[in-house]
């Protein structure tokens, strides 16, 4: 009768595997904590005869101003506004919600705004027309000097 084989794990191999598991756990914890602290980005998309508002805002007043701005842009068609905004006090700040609502009113089909913790962008058809110049000014006002917002060309 043959004796069962014994597997001999070397202490260095075990230590290496444990170190990898710990590193993965720490990286996962850091990533989960960072993404929760920053919250999801604020996004606004103009498309298909509608406007999508998505992400988080700090208060109901901001949410209402943005939804009203979107409805006004669509000629009062509030049912064409998809409001997926969550009210979360720790959300990224909007320095001037009225300026952001005015930007929504100014927006055109295809525009896409994405605001992240320290920066963001607005994709537009033309980087040089009068509408885009006004949008650039409204972006700066809406998010304040601490957030670097830029215009980018739509593909």
Protein backbone atom coordinates (compact mmCIF):
# COMPACT_ATOMS: atom_id res chain seq x y z
CA UNK A 1 0.00 0.00 0.00
CA UNK A 2 1.28 3.39 -0.98
CA UNK A 3 1.40 6.10 1.65
CA UNK A 4 -0.40 9.37 0.95
CA UNK A 5 1.78 12.16 -0.32
CA UNK A 6 2.41 14.98 2.00
CA UNK A 7 2.54 18.44 0.70
CA UNK A 8 5.24 20.51 2.27
CA UNK A 9 4.57 24.20 1.98
CA UNK A 10 7.57 26.29 2.48
CA UNK A 11 7.31 29.04 5.09
CA UNK A 12 8.46 31.66 2.55
CA UNK A 13 5.63 30.68 0.16
CA UNK A 14 3.05 30.92 2.94
CA UNK A 15 4.39 34.30 4.06
CA UNK A 16 4.31 35.58 0.49
CA UNK A 17 0.70 34.44 -0.03
CA UNK A 18 -0.40 36.04 3.26
CA UNK A 19 1.38 39.30 2.34
CA UNK A 20 -0.40 39.36 -1.04
CA UNK A 21 -3.78 38.81 0.60
CA UNK A 22 -3.13 41.60 3.10
CA UNK A 23 -2.03 43.95 0.32
CA UNK A 24 -5.19 43.18 -1.67
CA UNK A 25 -7.39 43.75 1.38
CA UNK A 26 -5.72 47.10 2.14
CA UNK A 27 -5.99 48.22 -1.50
CA UNK A 28 -9.67 47.24 -1.64
CA UNK A 29 -10.41 49.05 1.62
CA UNK A 30 -8.59 52.21 0.48
CA UNK A 31 -10.35 52.20 -2.91
CA UNK A 32 -13.79 51.65 -1.36
CA UNK A 33 -13.23 54.38 1.23
CA UNK A 34 -11.89 56.87 -1.33
CA UNK A 35 -14.74 56.35 -3.78
CA UNK A 36 -17.35 56.71 -1.01
CA UNK A 37 -15.74 59.89 0.27
CA UNK A 38 -15.62 61.47 -3.17
CA UNK A 39 -19.07 60.27 -4.11
CA UNK A 40 -20.17 59.71 -7.66
CA UNK A 41 -19.47 62.49 -10.12
CA UNK A 42 -22.18 64.93 -11.10
CA UNK A 43 -23.20 64.38 -14.72
CA UNK A 44 -25.56 66.18 -17.04
CA UNK A 45 -26.26 64.86 -20.54
CA UNK A 46 -28.34 66.53 -23.25
CA UNK A 47 -29.61 63.89 -25.67
CA UNK A 48 -32.59 62.41 -27.44
CA UNK A 49 -34.85 65.43 -26.78
CA UNK A 50 -34.22 65.01 -23.07
CA UNK A 51 -31.76 65.83 -20.31
CA UNK A 52 -30.31 63.39 -17.78
CA UNK A 53 -29.22 64.67 -14.37
CA UNK A 54 -27.18 62.07 -12.49
CA UNK A 55 -25.01 61.86 -9.38
CA UNK A 56 -25.23 63.64 -6.06
CA UNK A 57 -25.99 67.17 -4.91
CA UNK A 58 -25.88 68.54 -1.38
CA UNK A 59 -29.42 69.79 -1.00
CA UNK A 60 -32.96 69.79 -2.34
CA UNK A 61 -32.70 73.43 -3.45
CA UNK A 62 -29.83 72.60 -5.82
CA UNK A 63 -31.65 69.53 -7.13
CA UNK A 64 -34.79 71.58 -7.82
CA UNK A 65 -32.89 74.38 -9.59
CA UNK A 66 -31.17 71.89 -11.87
CA UNK A 67 -34.39 69.99 -12.65
CA UNK A 68 -36.23 73.27 -13.31
CA UNK A 69 -33.41 74.48 -15.57
CA UNK A 70 -33.58 71.23 -17.53
CA UNK A 71 -37.37 71.47 -17.86
CA UNK A 72 -37.09 75.09 -19.02
CA UNK A 73 -34.49 74.06 -21.63
CA UNK A 74 -37.02 71.52 -22.93
CA UNK A 75 -39.86 74.04 -23.18
CA UNK A 76 -41.42 73.01 -19.88
CA UNK A 77 -41.45 69.29 -20.70
CA UNK A 78 -40.54 68.08 -17.21
CA UNK A 79 -41.33 64.49 -18.22
CA UNK A 80 -38.31 64.62 -20.57
CA UNK A 81 -35.98 65.29 -17.62
CA UNK A 82 -34.47 62.17 -16.08
CA UNK A 83 -33.64 63.18 -12.53
CA UNK A 84 -31.33 60.61 -10.98
CA UNK A 85 -29.85 63.08 -8.51
CA UNK A 86 -29.43 61.92 -4.93
CA UNK A 87 -29.43 64.41 -2.06
CA UNK A 88 -26.29 63.71 -0.02
CA UNK A 89 -24.86 66.38 2.33
CA UNK A 90 -21.29 65.20 1.61
CA UNK A 91 -21.71 65.50 -2.19
CA UNK A 92 -19.34 67.59 -4.26
CA UNK A 93 -20.25 71.27 -3.85
CA UNK A 94 -21.92 73.44 -6.46
CA UNK A 95 -20.81 77.01 -5.77
CA UNK A 96 -23.65 78.61 -7.74
CA UNK A 97 -26.60 76.35 -8.60
CA UNK A 98 -28.32 79.15 -10.54
CA UNK A 99 -25.31 79.40 -12.88
CA UNK A 100 -25.40 75.64 -13.40
CA UNK A 101 -29.14 75.81 -14.14
CA UNK A 102 -28.40 78.57 -16.68
CA UNK A 103 -25.74 76.34 -18.25
CA UNK A 104 -28.33 73.57 -18.55
CA UNK A 105 -30.68 76.03 -20.26
CA UNK A 106 -27.87 77.03 -22.67
CA UNK A 107 -26.91 73.43 -23.50
CA UNK A 108 -27.41 71.71 -26.84
CA UNK A 109 -28.12 68.19 -28.02
CA UNK A 110 -25.01 66.06 -27.44
CA UNK A 111 -23.43 68.17 -24.70
CA UNK A 112 -22.14 66.20 -21.73
CA UNK A 113 -20.93 67.61 -18.41
CA UNK A 114 -18.96 65.60 -15.88
CA UNK A 115 -17.79 67.10 -12.60
CA UNK A 116 -15.28 65.21 -10.44
CA UNK A 117 -13.80 66.24 -7.05
CA UNK A 118 -11.15 68.67 -8.35
CA UNK A 119 -11.91 68.97 -12.03
CA UNK A 120 -14.33 68.20 -14.79
CA UNK A 121 -15.26 68.87 -18.39
CA UNK A 122 -18.07 69.87 -20.67
CA UNK A 123 -18.11 68.26 -24.10
CA UNK A 124 -19.48 70.66 -26.75
CA UNK A 125 -19.75 70.78 -30.55
CA UNK A 126 -17.48 73.82 -30.96
CA UNK A 127 -14.77 75.11 -28.65
CA UNK A 128 -14.79 78.58 -30.20
CA UNK A 129 -18.40 79.66 -30.76
CA UNK A 130 -20.27 82.21 -28.64
CA UNK A 131 -22.38 79.55 -26.89
CA UNK A 132 -19.27 77.69 -25.75
CA UNK A 133 -17.64 80.91 -24.51
CA UNK A 134 -20.72 81.60 -22.38
CA UNK A 135 -20.69 77.97 -21.18
CA UNK A 136 -17.06 78.35 -20.06
CA UNK A 137 -17.97 81.40 -17.97
CA UNK A 138 -20.98 79.64 -16.44
CA UNK A 139 -18.84 76.60 -15.58
CA UNK A 140 -16.39 78.74 -13.65
CA UNK A 141 -19.21 80.46 -11.79
CA UNK A 142 -21.13 77.24 -11.11
CA UNK A 143 -18.23 75.31 -9.61
CA UNK A 144 -15.98 78.07 -8.27
CA UNK A 145 -12.27 78.74 -8.60
CA UNK A 146 -11.17 75.55 -6.79
CA UNK A 147 -12.49 73.27 -9.54
CA UNK A 148 -10.71 73.15 -12.88
CA UNK A 149 -13.42 72.84 -15.53
CA UNK A 150 -12.56 72.68 -19.22
CA UNK A 151 -14.37 72.48 -22.53
CA UNK A 152 -13.61 69.51 -24.75
CA UNK A 153 -14.75 68.84 -28.30
CA UNK A 154 -17.36 66.19 -28.92
CA UNK A 155 -16.07 63.39 -31.13
